[in-house]
Amino acid sequence: MIALGLEGTAEKTGVGIIDSEGNILFNKTVMYKPPVQGINPREAADHHAETFPKLIKEAFEHVPKEEIDLIAFSQGPGLGPSLRVTATAARTLALALGKPIIGVNHCIAHVEIGKLVTDAQDPLTLYVSGGNTQILAYVGGRYRIFGETLDIAIGNCLDQFARNCGLPHPGGPYVEQLARKGRKLLDLPYTIKGMDITFSGLLTAAIKKYQQGERLEDVCFSLQEVAFSMLTEITERALAHTEKGEVMLVGGVAVNQRLREMLRDMSKEQGVDFYVPRRDLCGDNGVMIAHLGLLMYLSGRRMSIEETKPIPNYRSDTVEVTWIDEEEYRGKRRRIPEHLIGKGAEADIRRASYLGWECVVKERVKKRYRLEELDTIIRLRRTVREGRFLYLVKDYGILSPYIWDIDKKRYTLTMSYIPGNLAKEEIERGNLDCCYNIGVIVGKLHERDIVHNDLTTSNFIVVKESGINGIGKDTENNKDYRLSDDLNQRDLGHSKEDKDSLKIDRELLEKNKVYIIDFGLGKFSSMLEDKAIDLIVLKKSIMSTHYRVFEEVWDRILEGYKVYREWKKVVDYMDEVEKRRRYC
């Protein structure tokens, strides 16, 4: 079976032809180059309207139109005007040839073409382009989004920086060239939130550095090093959370050699395989659309003309994946060295003994993918920060490991061993009661203006029958106390009316003792937005990992979160933050 695919989500017009055996029969892409910097959506759409007929005619010179069995097109995400022209061209072609039509998700098409032309089977995929930045992985019938940009995409960030510095469009290749001549690492913000990322602050700071007279080469070098280190780190965090055994890089920005080098180094350190498609299949192209269209059609998916409307904000995780056989789908798993009890994104964790007490040692290991100067600052800052927060939160009646030693030279924390399971594992086993405790802990953190910034179910430990008494230590009176007592006895700023209205489920609190860990990204903030994003990070990790019981898990967490007197303001603000995200 042979499919023809039309790609036109933004400024590139692409037509590709592929057969069901994976043979690429034709693939050509023409990019719209604006007369001034930046893409004008309507001009890009006009370019599609002018270019599609020429490319289709050329494609039919390689494969006769009589041999085409299916028409596929990029249905989204993308620029509205561009998508409308692409959909119109696809419908016209399908009706003229009397062939079936399939609209596909552009992001997933990048993943599937990457799997076709590499040896990747079940990769965690970092998709980076001018309009998208996502970390995708197949879990339970869908491509789940484990991380993404909370504002602008990495390609957009590079393009906007280039525009402000008088460089041509697209700016990424020019930034890469100039970065090779950079010598000095400038102080730029390094901002990640769990497995999500933001670039707007980094972009603004880089532009200011240039305007203040720093060498353009040094600014490009610093911008690229910081941005790509952030991308590599959130990929590593998602890798530790999903335990996938492969990493794949796709999208237009995937052609950048420095980004490839960073991800290759990270993958080697984590013991996983790394893949990237050949250069002509990294950027937007028609053959990836045709390939995904074939996969969907052969798995039974059909579309009427009425179903082919463009979807500008087409989320990857809304697509039902029917072309992967769950019974036969067995991907590789990440390999953890035997001498470790855990290997996170940042640290190696091993069992040890401290003054006769059973403990764990958490060592923030050197990252080869980061410049040593940047890596040293990050490791030291996070080691000290984590120790301080783990000590501090006990004063608020929150369970956390005891810190016995902080070694700043070796970037290690020695802390008490907690004999339990990760909340991620407990939830998968059906223990949903612990979710209420998670919500209480987050609510108590936010009540004290503490933002964790990495709330996932991998950062809570559940202890059921352990013999560990209480939830923390009252150092003044040298006695244990219980969380249910703490909610009544300790002042969290609640009025008497607030306390009376709180419906605390003490039985649930005591049934599972839940410890919070990993405060490396923690900070103090009273901002409503920071707290909302904290919850969004947690919500997304649950949607991606515990999709079968998401509603029940999330409802229980929110019920516990109500210990925070302003819980409703934060939950309502989450909607505003989520609506601002850019998917294209």
Protein backbone atom coordinates (compact mmCIF):
# COMPACT_ATOMS: atom_id res chain seq x y z
CA MET A 1 0.00 0.00 0.00
CA ILE A 2 1.29 3.48 -0.88
CA ALA A 3 0.47 6.76 0.90
CA LEU A 4 1.11 10.37 -0.06
CA GLY A 5 1.54 12.81 2.80
CA LEU A 6 1.15 16.59 2.94
CA GLU A 7 2.98 18.56 5.63
CA GLY A 8 2.10 22.21 6.23
CA THR A 9 1.88 23.07 9.93
CA ALA A 10 4.02 26.22 9.81
CA GLU A 11 6.48 27.66 7.28
CA LYS A 12 7.54 24.42 5.55
CA THR A 13 5.63 22.83 2.70
CA GLY A 14 6.32 19.13 2.30
CA VAL A 15 5.13 16.25 0.16
CA GLY A 16 6.25 12.67 0.70
CA ILE A 17 5.38 9.21 -0.55
CA ILE A 18 6.06 5.94 1.29
CA ASP A 19 4.86 2.36 1.02
CA SER A 20 3.72 0.00 3.75
CA GLU A 21 7.13 -1.73 3.72
CA GLY A 22 8.79 1.50 4.83
CA ASN A 23 10.36 2.36 1.48
CA ILE A 24 10.56 6.14 0.96
CA LEU A 25 9.64 6.78 -2.66
CA PHE A 26 9.63 10.58 -2.66
CA ASN A 27 10.25 13.32 -0.11
CA LYS A 28 10.72 17.03 -0.71
CA THR A 29 10.27 20.07 1.51
CA VAL A 30 10.33 23.76 0.53
CA MET A 31 10.65 26.38 3.26
CA TYR A 32 8.97 29.76 3.19
CA LYS A 33 11.57 32.46 3.90
CA PRO A 34 9.94 35.68 5.06
CA PRO A 35 11.22 38.97 3.59
CA VAL A 36 11.60 40.20 7.17
CA GLN A 37 12.43 38.19 10.27
CA GLY A 38 9.64 36.11 11.78
CA ILE A 39 6.86 34.06 10.24
CA ASN A 40 3.66 35.74 9.11
CA PRO A 41 0.99 32.98 9.31
CA ARG A 42 -1.01 34.25 6.33
CA GLU A 43 2.09 34.60 4.16
CA ALA A 44 3.12 31.08 5.15
CA ALA A 45 -0.35 29.85 4.16
CA ASP A 46 -0.06 31.62 0.79
CA HIS A 47 3.29 29.88 0.31
CA HIS A 48 1.62 26.50 0.92
CA ALA A 49 -1.13 27.29 -1.57
CA GLU A 50 1.44 28.17 -4.20
CA THR A 51 3.89 25.32 -3.47
CA PHE A 52 1.67 22.27 -2.88
CA PRO A 53 0.54 21.95 -6.56
CA LYS A 54 4.18 22.08 -7.74
CA LEU A 55 5.39 19.49 -5.24
CA ILE A 56 2.44 17.16 -5.86
CA LYS A 57 3.08 17.33 -9.60
CA GLU A 58 6.76 16.51 -9.00
CA ALA A 59 5.82 13.64 -6.70
CA PHE A 60 3.60 12.10 -9.37
CA GLU A 61 6.57 12.09 -11.73
CA HIS A 62 8.23 9.64 -9.33
CA VAL A 63 5.13 7.65 -8.40
CA PRO A 64 2.12 7.68 -10.78
CA LYS A 65 -1.00 9.01 -9.11
CA GLU A 66 -2.81 5.78 -10.03
CA GLU A 67 -0.58 3.92 -7.57
CA ILE A 68 -1.47 6.13 -4.60
CA ASP A 69 -3.81 4.35 -2.14
CA LEU A 70 -4.10 6.90 0.68
CA ILE A 71 -3.83 10.64 1.26
CA ALA A 72 -2.51 11.77 4.67
CA PHE A 73 -2.05 15.32 5.93
CA SER A 74 -0.87 17.13 9.05
CA GLN A 75 -4.04 17.97 10.97
CA GLY A 76 -2.20 19.78 13.78
CA PRO A 77 -0.76 21.21 15.91
CA GLY A 78 0.27 24.26 13.96
CA LEU A 79 -0.62 27.70 12.62
CA GLY A 80 -4.30 27.97 11.77
CA PRO A 81 -3.95 29.50 8.25
CA SER A 82 -1.27 26.97 7.29
CA LEU A 83 -3.30 24.03 8.55
CA ARG A 84 -6.40 25.15 6.66
CA VAL A 85 -4.55 25.31 3.35
CA THR A 86 -2.97 21.90 3.98
CA ALA A 87 -6.31 20.31 4.85
CA THR A 88 -7.96 21.85 1.77
CA ALA A 89 -5.20 20.54 -0.49
CA ALA A 90 -5.51 17.06 1.03
CA ARG A 91 -9.30 16.96 0.68
CA THR A 92 -9.13 18.15 -2.91
CA LEU A 93 -6.54 15.53 -3.79
CA ALA A 94 -8.41 12.72 -2.03
CA LEU A 95 -11.70 13.59 -3.76
CA ALA A 96 -10.03 13.99 -7.15
CA LEU A 97 -8.28 10.61 -6.90
CA GLY A 98 -11.15 8.89 -5.12
CA LYS A 99 -8.84 7.81 -2.27
CA PRO A 100 -9.35 7.66 1.51
CA ILE A 101 -7.99 10.49 3.63
CA ILE A 102 -6.36 10.50 7.10
CA GLY A 103 -5.41 13.49 9.25
CA VAL A 104 -2.47 12.86 11.57
CA ASN A 105 -0.83 14.43 14.61
CA HIS A 106 2.34 16.19 13.49
CA CYS A 107 4.24 15.50 16.74
CA ILE A 108 3.56 11.77 16.72
CA ALA A 109 4.57 11.65 13.05
CA HIS A 110 8.05 12.81 14.07
CA VAL A 111 8.27 9.96 16.58
CA GLU A 112 7.06 7.26 14.20
CA ILE A 113 9.34 8.22 11.32
CA GLY A 114 12.23 8.23 13.79
CA LYS A 115 11.36 4.70 14.89
CA LEU A 116 11.12 3.61 11.25
CA VAL A 117 14.59 4.78 10.20
CA THR A 118 16.48 3.94 13.42
CA ASP A 119 16.62 0.86 15.64
CA ALA A 120 14.52 2.53 18.34
CA GLN A 121 11.60 0.39 19.50
CA ASP A 122 10.13 2.07 22.58
CA PRO A 123 11.99 5.35 23.07
CA LEU A 124 11.52 8.28 25.37
CA THR A 125 11.48 11.01 22.72
CA LEU A 126 12.61 14.61 23.02
CA TYR A 127 10.82 16.52 20.26
CA VAL A 128 12.28 19.99 19.67
CA SER A 129 11.33 22.39 16.91
CA GLY A 130 10.37 25.97 16.20
CA GLY A 131 6.88 25.46 17.51
CA ASN A 132 7.06 22.46 19.85
CA THR A 133 9.07 21.21 22.79
CA GLN A 134 7.80 17.95 24.29
CA ILE A 135 9.01 14.76 25.93
CA LEU A 136 6.88 11.88 24.68
CA ALA A 137 6.71 8.19 25.49
CA TYR A 138 4.24 5.45 24.61
CA VAL A 139 2.38 4.19 27.68
CA GLY A 140 -0.92 2.36 27.72
CA GLY A 141 -2.38 3.08 24.31
CA ARG A 142 -1.24 6.69 23.93
CA TYR A 143 1.83 8.84 23.54
CA ARG A 144 1.95 10.51 26.95
CA ILE A 145 3.52 13.94 27.42
CA PHE A 146 5.91 13.69 30.35
CA GLY A 147 7.39 17.14 29.91
CA GLU A 148 6.95 20.21 27.74
CA THR A 149 7.55 23.93 27.51
CA LEU A 150 5.38 26.09 29.71
CA ASP A 151 5.82 29.12 27.45
CA ILE A 152 7.76 29.19 24.16
CA ALA A 153 9.41 26.37 22.23
CA ILE A 154 13.19 26.05 22.03
CA GLY A 155 13.24 26.80 18.29
CA ASN A 156 11.13 29.89 18.87
CA CYS A 157 13.53 30.96 21.63
CA LEU A 158 16.54 30.70 19.30
CA ASP A 159 14.70 32.43 16.45
CA GLN A 160 13.56 35.34 18.63
CA PHE A 161 17.06 35.80 20.00
CA ALA A 162 18.50 35.80 16.47
CA ARG A 163 15.88 38.33 15.34
CA ASN A 164 16.82 40.71 18.17
CA CYS A 165 20.49 40.42 17.24
CA GLY A 166 19.97 41.01 13.51
CA LEU A 167 20.60 37.41 12.45
CA PRO A 168 18.65 35.80 9.57
CA HIS A 169 15.67 33.45 9.96
CA PRO A 170 15.68 30.66 11.01
CA GLY A 171 18.05 31.66 13.77
CA GLY A 172 19.05 28.27 15.18
CA PRO A 173 21.80 27.44 12.66
CA TYR A 174 23.35 30.91 13.02
CA VAL A 175 23.33 30.67 16.82
CA GLU A 176 25.02 27.27 16.55
CA GLN A 177 27.75 28.63 14.26
CA LEU A 178 28.49 31.62 16.48
CA ALA A 179 28.39 29.48 19.63
CA ARG A 180 31.40 27.50 18.38
CA LYS A 181 33.46 30.71 18.68
CA GLY A 182 32.25 31.53 22.19
CA ARG A 183 34.75 31.51 25.04
CA LYS A 184 32.94 32.77 28.14
CA LEU A 185 29.93 31.30 29.96
CA LEU A 186 27.65 34.16 30.98
CA ASP A 187 25.30 34.10 33.95
CA LEU A 188 21.89 33.17 32.52
CA PRO A 189 18.81 31.74 34.31
CA TYR A 190 18.60 27.94 34.41
CA THR A 191 14.91 27.18 34.94
CA ILE A 192 13.22 23.80 34.99
CA LYS A 193 10.10 22.69 36.82
CA GLY A 194 10.07 18.95 37.26
CA MET A 195 9.98 17.59 33.72
CA ASP A 196 8.68 20.87 32.30
CA ILE A 197 10.75 23.80 31.13
CA THR A 198 10.52 27.54 30.48
CA PHE A 199 12.57 29.61 28.03
CA SER A 200 11.10 33.13 28.20
CA GLY A 201 13.28 34.25 31.13
CA LEU A 202 16.39 32.79 29.50
CA LEU A 203 15.57 34.52 26.21
CA THR A 204 15.08 37.93 27.88
CA ALA A 205 18.31 37.60 29.85
CA ALA A 206 20.32 36.59 26.76
CA ILE A 207 19.01 39.57 24.77
CA LYS A 208 19.92 41.91 27.64
CA LYS A 209 23.46 40.49 27.78
CA TYR A 210 23.91 41.28 24.10
CA GLN A 211 22.46 44.77 24.50
CA GLN A 212 24.85 45.37 27.41
CA GLY A 213 27.82 44.81 25.10
CA GLU A 214 28.75 41.16 25.58
CA ARG A 215 30.28 39.47 22.53
CA LEU A 216 27.59 37.91 20.37
CA GLU A 217 29.63 34.71 20.17
CA ASP A 218 29.71 34.45 23.98
CA VAL A 219 25.99 35.14 24.30
CA CYS A 220 25.19 32.48 21.67
CA PHE A 221 27.53 30.04 23.40
CA SER A 222 25.94 30.67 26.81
CA LEU A 223 22.37 30.61 25.50
CA GLN A 224 22.94 27.31 23.74
CA GLU A 225 24.76 25.67 26.65
CA VAL A 226 22.13 26.64 29.22
CA ALA A 227 19.09 25.90 27.02
CA PHE A 228 20.36 22.52 25.87
CA SER A 229 21.52 21.54 29.37
CA MET A 230 17.98 22.26 30.58
CA LEU A 231 16.50 20.15 27.78
CA THR A 232 18.87 17.28 28.50
CA GLU A 233 18.13 17.42 32.22
CA ILE A 234 14.35 17.24 31.85
CA THR A 235 14.80 14.35 29.43
CA GLU A 236 16.94 12.62 32.04
CA ARG A 237 14.30 13.27 34.69
CA ALA A 238 11.60 11.76 32.46
CA LEU A 239 13.91 8.83 31.77
CA ALA A 240 14.36 8.13 35.49
CA HIS A 241 10.60 8.36 36.01
CA THR A 242 9.58 6.11 33.08
CA GLU A 243 12.53 3.69 33.20
CA LYS A 244 12.60 3.54 29.40
CA GLY A 245 15.71 1.99 27.86
CA GLU A 246 16.01 4.26 24.82
CA VAL A 247 16.17 7.99 24.11
CA MET A 248 15.41 9.50 20.72
CA LEU A 249 15.83 13.07 19.52
CA VAL A 250 13.55 14.40 16.75
CA GLY A 251 12.40 17.73 15.29
CA GLY A 252 14.06 20.57 13.45
CA VAL A 253 16.36 21.53 16.35
CA ALA A 254 17.59 17.91 16.43
CA VAL A 255 20.10 18.79 13.69
CA ASN A 256 22.10 20.79 16.24
CA GLN A 257 25.32 18.88 16.93
CA ARG A 258 25.80 20.21 20.46
CA LEU A 259 22.34 19.06 21.53
CA ARG A 260 23.01 15.62 20.04
CA GLU A 261 26.30 15.42 21.90
CA MET A 262 24.66 16.30 25.23
CA LEU A 263 21.90 13.73 24.87
CA ARG A 264 24.35 11.07 23.74
CA ASP A 265 26.50 11.68 26.83
CA MET A 266 23.47 11.61 29.13
CA SER A 267 22.17 8.39 27.60
CA LYS A 268 25.53 6.72 28.03
CA GLU A 269 25.69 7.72 31.69
CA GLN A 270 22.16 6.40 32.26
CA GLY A 271 22.88 3.11 30.47
CA VAL A 272 20.35 3.58 27.66
CA ASP A 273 20.58 3.65 23.87
CA PHE A 274 20.42 6.93 21.96
CA TYR A 275 18.95 7.49 18.49
CA VAL A 276 18.43 10.39 16.12
CA PRO A 277 17.02 10.17 12.56
CA ARG A 278 19.05 11.27 9.59
CA ARG A 279 19.13 15.01 8.96
CA ASP A 280 16.49 15.20 6.20
CA LEU A 281 13.94 13.46 8.43
CA CYS A 282 14.56 15.56 11.56
CA GLY A 283 12.69 18.62 10.32
CA ASP A 284 9.11 18.79 9.05
CA ASN A 285 8.54 16.63 5.98
CA GLY A 286 5.74 14.95 4.05
CA VAL A 287 6.97 11.38 4.29
CA MET A 288 6.56 11.28 8.08
CA ILE A 289 2.93 12.32 7.62
CA ALA A 290 2.42 9.63 4.98
CA HIS A 291 4.02 6.98 7.20
CA LEU A 292 1.83 7.73 10.21
CA GLY A 293 -1.22 7.89 7.96
CA LEU A 294 -0.42 4.38 6.73
CA LEU A 295 0.05 3.07 10.26
CA MET A 296 -3.32 4.48 11.29
CA TYR A 297 -5.15 3.26 8.20
CA LEU A 298 -3.73 -0.26 8.34
CA SER A 299 -4.75 -0.50 12.01
CA GLY A 300 -8.36 0.23 11.07
CA ARG A 301 -8.63 4.02 11.42
CA ARG A 302 -10.96 5.73 8.92
CA MET A 303 -11.97 9.36 8.49
CA SER A 304 -14.80 11.13 6.74
CA ILE A 305 -14.26 14.49 5.07
CA GLU A 306 -16.13 16.09 7.98
CA GLU A 307 -13.53 14.73 10.41
CA THR A 308 -10.61 16.36 8.62
CA LYS A 309 -10.94 19.83 10.13
CA PRO A 310 -7.63 21.35 11.28
CA ILE A 311 -6.82 21.15 15.00
CA PRO A 312 -4.32 23.96 15.83
CA ASN A 313 -3.85 22.78 19.44
CA TYR A 314 -3.80 19.06 18.66
CA ARG A 315 -2.37 17.42 21.79
CA SER A 316 -0.27 14.31 21.24
CA ASP A 317 -1.80 12.61 24.27
CA THR A 318 -5.32 12.84 22.84
CA VAL A 319 -4.52 10.45 19.99
CA GLU A 320 -5.58 6.84 20.48
CA VAL A 321 -2.69 4.70 19.29
CA THR A 322 -4.20 1.73 17.47
CA TRP A 323 -1.15 0.65 15.47
CA ILE A 324 0.91 -0.70 18.39
CA ASP A 325 0.14 -4.20 19.65
CA GLU A 326 0.21 -4.13 23.46
CA GLU A 327 0.79 -7.87 23.68
CA GLU A 328 3.90 -7.76 21.51
CA TYR A 329 5.17 -4.38 22.66
CA ARG A 330 8.07 -4.96 25.02
CA GLY A 331 10.57 -2.13 25.09
CA LYS A 332 14.05 -2.03 26.60
CA ARG A 333 14.45 -0.90 30.21
CA ARG A 334 17.01 1.39 31.76
CA ARG A 335 19.91 -0.47 33.37
CA ILE A 336 20.76 0.50 36.98
CA PRO A 337 24.17 -0.58 38.36
CA GLU A 338 23.92 -3.35 40.95
CA HIS A 339 25.76 -1.41 43.67
CA LEU A 340 23.03 1.26 43.68
CA ILE A 341 19.54 1.06 45.16
CA GLY A 342 18.43 3.85 42.87
CA LYS A 343 19.66 6.11 40.11
CA GLY A 344 17.73 9.30 39.62
CA ALA A 345 18.16 12.03 37.07
CA GLU A 346 20.67 13.86 39.25
CA ALA A 347 22.06 11.42 41.73
CA ASP A 348 23.27 7.93 42.50
CA ILE A 349 21.69 6.48 45.66
CA ARG A 350 23.32 3.71 47.69
CA ARG A 351 22.74 2.04 51.06
CA ALA A 352 25.32 2.67 53.77
CA SER A 353 25.85 2.86 57.53
CA TYR A 354 26.34 6.04 59.55
CA LEU A 355 27.42 5.71 63.20
CA GLY A 356 25.71 2.35 63.27
CA TRP A 357 22.48 3.62 61.72
CA GLU A 358 21.14 2.35 58.42
CA CYS A 359 21.21 5.21 55.94
CA VAL A 360 21.32 6.16 52.30
CA VAL A 361 23.91 8.32 50.61
CA LYS A 362 22.71 10.51 47.76
CA GLU A 363 25.52 11.72 45.52
CA ARG A 364 24.89 14.31 42.85
CA VAL A 365 27.20 12.98 40.18
CA LYS A 366 29.06 15.06 37.63
CA LYS A 367 27.19 15.46 34.35
CA ARG A 368 29.39 15.16 31.29
CA TYR A 369 26.84 16.91 29.14
CA ARG A 370 27.04 20.14 31.16
CA LEU A 371 30.00 22.50 31.17
CA GLU A 372 31.99 21.89 34.35
CA GLU A 373 31.56 25.48 35.49
CA LEU A 374 27.76 25.28 35.17
CA ASP A 375 27.59 21.74 36.53
CA THR A 376 29.53 22.59 39.68
CA ILE A 377 27.24 25.50 40.51
CA ILE A 378 24.08 23.44 40.00
CA ARG A 379 25.25 20.42 42.00
CA LEU A 380 26.43 22.47 44.97
CA ARG A 381 23.36 24.70 45.04
CA ARG A 382 20.92 21.79 44.89
CA THR A 383 22.76 19.68 47.46
CA VAL A 384 22.70 22.47 50.04
CA ARG A 385 19.14 23.47 49.19
CA GLU A 386 17.84 19.92 49.56
CA GLY A 387 19.46 19.47 52.95
CA ARG A 388 17.98 22.71 54.24
CA PHE A 389 14.45 21.99 53.04
CA LEU A 390 14.42 18.40 54.31
CA TYR A 391 15.42 19.72 57.74
CA LEU A 392 12.99 22.64 57.65
CA VAL A 393 9.80 20.86 56.62
CA LYS A 394 9.82 18.72 59.78
CA ASP A 395 8.92 21.85 61.71
CA TYR A 396 5.67 21.91 59.76
CA GLY A 397 4.72 18.32 60.57
CA ILE A 398 5.89 16.85 57.27
CA LEU A 399 7.63 13.49 57.07
CA SER A 400 11.04 13.57 55.41
CA PRO A 401 14.34 11.74 55.87
CA TYR A 402 16.68 12.93 58.63
CA ILE A 403 19.83 14.59 57.33
CA TRP A 404 22.95 13.32 59.08
CA ASP A 405 25.67 14.82 56.94
CA ILE A 406 26.15 17.23 54.01
CA ASP A 407 29.43 17.04 52.13
CA LYS A 408 29.75 20.08 49.86
CA LYS A 409 33.00 18.88 48.29
CA ARG A 410 31.55 15.53 47.23
CA TYR A 411 28.01 16.86 46.67
CA THR A 412 26.55 14.17 48.93
CA LEU A 413 23.72 13.97 51.45
CA THR A 414 23.71 11.22 54.08
CA MET A 415 20.20 10.67 55.37
CA SER A 416 18.04 8.16 57.19
CA TYR A 417 16.84 5.13 55.27
CA ILE A 418 13.06 5.02 54.77
CA PRO A 419 11.84 1.37 54.50
CA GLY A 420 8.97 1.87 52.10
CA ASN A 421 7.96 2.01 48.44
CA LEU A 422 7.71 4.93 46.06
CA ALA A 423 4.19 6.31 45.83
CA LYS A 424 4.43 5.54 42.10
CA GLU A 425 4.75 1.82 42.93
CA GLU A 426 2.06 1.88 45.63
CA ILE A 427 -0.47 3.54 43.32
CA GLU A 428 0.24 1.00 40.59
CA ARG A 429 -0.42 -1.74 43.16
CA GLY A 430 -3.81 -0.23 43.94
CA ASN A 431 -3.03 1.67 47.14
CA LEU A 432 -4.78 4.96 46.39
CA ASP A 433 -5.22 5.92 50.05
CA CYS A 434 -1.70 7.37 50.09
CA CYS A 435 -2.80 10.03 47.59
CA TYR A 436 -4.72 11.90 50.29
CA ASN A 437 -1.51 12.20 52.34
CA ILE A 438 0.35 13.52 49.27
CA GLY A 439 -2.24 16.26 48.93
CA VAL A 440 -1.92 17.16 52.62
CA ILE A 441 1.86 17.41 52.33
CA VAL A 442 1.68 19.68 49.28
CA GLY A 443 -0.96 21.82 50.96
CA LYS A 444 1.20 22.25 54.06
CA LEU A 445 4.21 23.19 51.90
CA HIS A 446 2.22 25.81 50.03
CA GLU A 447 0.80 27.15 53.30
CA ARG A 448 4.41 27.95 54.25
CA ASP A 449 5.19 29.32 50.77
CA ILE A 450 7.44 26.38 49.88
CA VAL A 451 7.34 25.25 46.25
CA HIS A 452 8.82 21.80 45.59
CA ASN A 453 9.13 22.22 41.77
CA ASP A 454 9.48 18.48 41.13
CA LEU A 455 6.28 16.92 42.41
CA THR A 456 5.97 13.46 40.91
CA THR A 457 4.85 10.20 42.46
CA SER A 458 8.51 9.15 42.36
CA ASN A 459 9.34 11.75 45.01
CA PHE A 460 7.11 10.39 47.77
CA ILE A 461 7.83 7.26 49.83
CA VAL A 462 4.95 5.35 51.41
CA VAL A 463 5.51 3.42 54.63
CA LYS A 464 2.68 1.18 55.81
CA GLU A 465 3.86 -1.16 58.58
CA SER A 466 7.30 0.04 59.54
CA GLY A 467 7.54 0.65 63.26
CA ILE A 468 8.51 4.25 62.56
CA ASN A 469 6.52 6.36 65.02
CA GLY A 470 5.08 9.74 64.22
CA ILE A 471 5.74 11.98 61.30
CA GLY A 472 8.68 13.96 62.56
CA LYS A 473 10.57 15.05 65.66
CA ASP A 474 9.60 17.83 68.04
CA THR A 475 13.13 18.88 69.00
CA GLU A 476 12.04 21.17 71.87
CA ASN A 477 10.14 18.47 73.76
CA ASN A 478 12.07 15.52 72.28
CA LYS A 479 8.96 13.57 71.37
CA ASP A 480 7.25 12.21 68.28
CA TYR A 481 4.05 13.75 67.01
CA ARG A 482 1.40 12.72 64.53
CA LEU A 483 0.19 14.60 61.49
CA SER A 484 -3.45 14.53 62.60
CA ASP A 485 -2.43 16.15 65.89
CA ASP A 486 -0.24 18.65 64.10
CA LEU A 487 -3.16 19.91 62.03
CA ASN A 488 -4.94 20.88 65.25
CA GLN A 489 -2.03 21.93 67.46
CA ARG A 490 0.31 23.82 65.15
CA ASP A 491 -0.56 27.23 63.73
CA LEU A 492 -0.59 27.19 59.94
CA GLY A 493 -2.27 30.57 59.69
CA HIS A 494 -5.80 29.14 59.79
CA SER A 495 -8.48 31.02 61.61
CA LYS A 496 -10.70 29.07 64.02
CA GLU A 497 -13.37 29.01 61.30
CA ASP A 498 -10.85 27.64 58.80
CA LYS A 499 -9.83 24.86 61.18
CA ASP A 500 -13.40 23.93 61.94
CA SER A 501 -14.25 23.72 58.23
CA LEU A 502 -11.32 21.44 57.38
CA LYS A 503 -12.47 17.87 56.96
CA ILE A 504 -9.32 16.00 57.94
CA ASP A 505 -9.43 12.26 57.40
CA ARG A 506 -7.21 11.19 60.30
CA GLU A 507 -7.67 7.50 59.57
CA LEU A 508 -6.20 7.93 56.08
CA LEU A 509 -3.33 10.02 57.43
CA GLU A 510 -2.30 7.30 59.84
CA LYS A 511 -2.97 4.35 57.52
CA ASN A 512 -0.10 5.36 55.22
CA LYS A 513 2.86 7.41 56.40
CA VAL A 514 4.09 9.36 53.38
CA TYR A 515 7.54 10.93 53.22
CA ILE A 516 8.53 13.60 50.71
CA ILE A 517 12.03 13.59 49.20
CA ASP A 518 14.21 15.39 46.64
CA PHE A 519 14.00 19.13 47.33
CA GLY A 520 16.82 19.97 44.92
CA LEU A 521 14.57 22.29 42.91
CA GLY A 522 12.68 23.65 45.90
CA LYS A 523 12.29 27.36 46.61
CA PHE A 524 10.33 29.85 48.67
CA SER A 525 7.58 31.65 46.78
CA SER A 526 4.29 33.25 47.73
CA MET A 527 3.30 33.64 44.07
CA LEU A 528 0.03 32.00 43.10
CA GLU A 529 1.49 31.05 39.71
CA ASP A 530 4.43 29.14 41.22
CA LYS A 531 2.10 27.10 43.39
CA ALA A 532 -0.23 26.45 40.46
CA ILE A 533 2.68 25.23 38.34
CA ASP A 534 3.79 23.03 41.24
CA LEU A 535 0.40 21.29 41.11
CA ILE A 536 0.43 21.16 37.32
CA VAL A 537 3.76 19.30 37.40
CA LEU A 538 2.21 16.76 39.80
CA LYS A 539 -1.00 16.49 37.78
CA LYS A 540 0.89 15.80 34.55
CA SER A 541 3.08 13.14 36.13
CA ILE A 542 -0.08 11.38 37.30
CA MET A 543 -1.81 11.71 33.91
CA SER A 544 1.25 10.25 32.20
CA THR A 545 1.98 7.43 34.62
CA HIS A 546 -1.28 6.58 36.39
CA TYR A 547 -3.65 7.25 33.50
CA ARG A 548 -5.94 4.32 34.38
CA VAL A 549 -6.83 5.80 37.77
CA PHE A 550 -6.04 9.45 37.13
CA GLU A 551 -9.41 10.90 38.16
CA GLU A 552 -9.51 9.04 41.47
CA VAL A 553 -5.87 9.76 42.29
CA TRP A 554 -6.18 13.46 41.47
CA ASP A 555 -9.46 13.85 43.38
CA ARG A 556 -7.88 12.32 46.50
CA ILE A 557 -4.83 14.56 46.24
CA LEU A 558 -7.01 17.65 45.91
CA GLU A 559 -9.07 16.54 48.91
CA GLY A 560 -5.90 16.42 51.00
CA TYR A 561 -4.64 19.69 49.50
CA LYS A 562 -7.60 21.48 51.08
CA VAL A 563 -5.59 21.78 54.32
CA TYR A 564 -4.20 24.86 52.56
CA ARG A 565 -6.61 27.70 53.21
CA GLU A 566 -6.15 29.19 49.70
CA TRP A 567 -6.40 25.86 47.90
CA LYS A 568 -9.26 27.00 45.66
CA LYS A 569 -7.35 30.03 44.37
CA VAL A 570 -4.44 27.82 43.34
CA VAL A 571 -6.62 25.18 41.69
CA ASP A 572 -8.58 27.83 39.77
CA TYR A 573 -5.35 29.50 38.66
CA MET A 574 -4.10 26.21 37.26
CA ASP A 575 -6.63 26.58 34.43
CA GLU A 576 -5.24 29.99 33.50
CA VAL A 577 -1.67 28.71 33.40
CA GLU A 578 -2.60 25.66 31.30
CA LYS A 579 -4.46 27.82 28.76
CA ARG A 580 -1.34 29.94 28.19
CA ARG A 581 0.77 27.03 27.01
CA ARG A 582 1.97 26.95 23.44
CA TYR A 583 1.54 23.71 21.58
CA CYS A 584 2.42 25.10 18.17
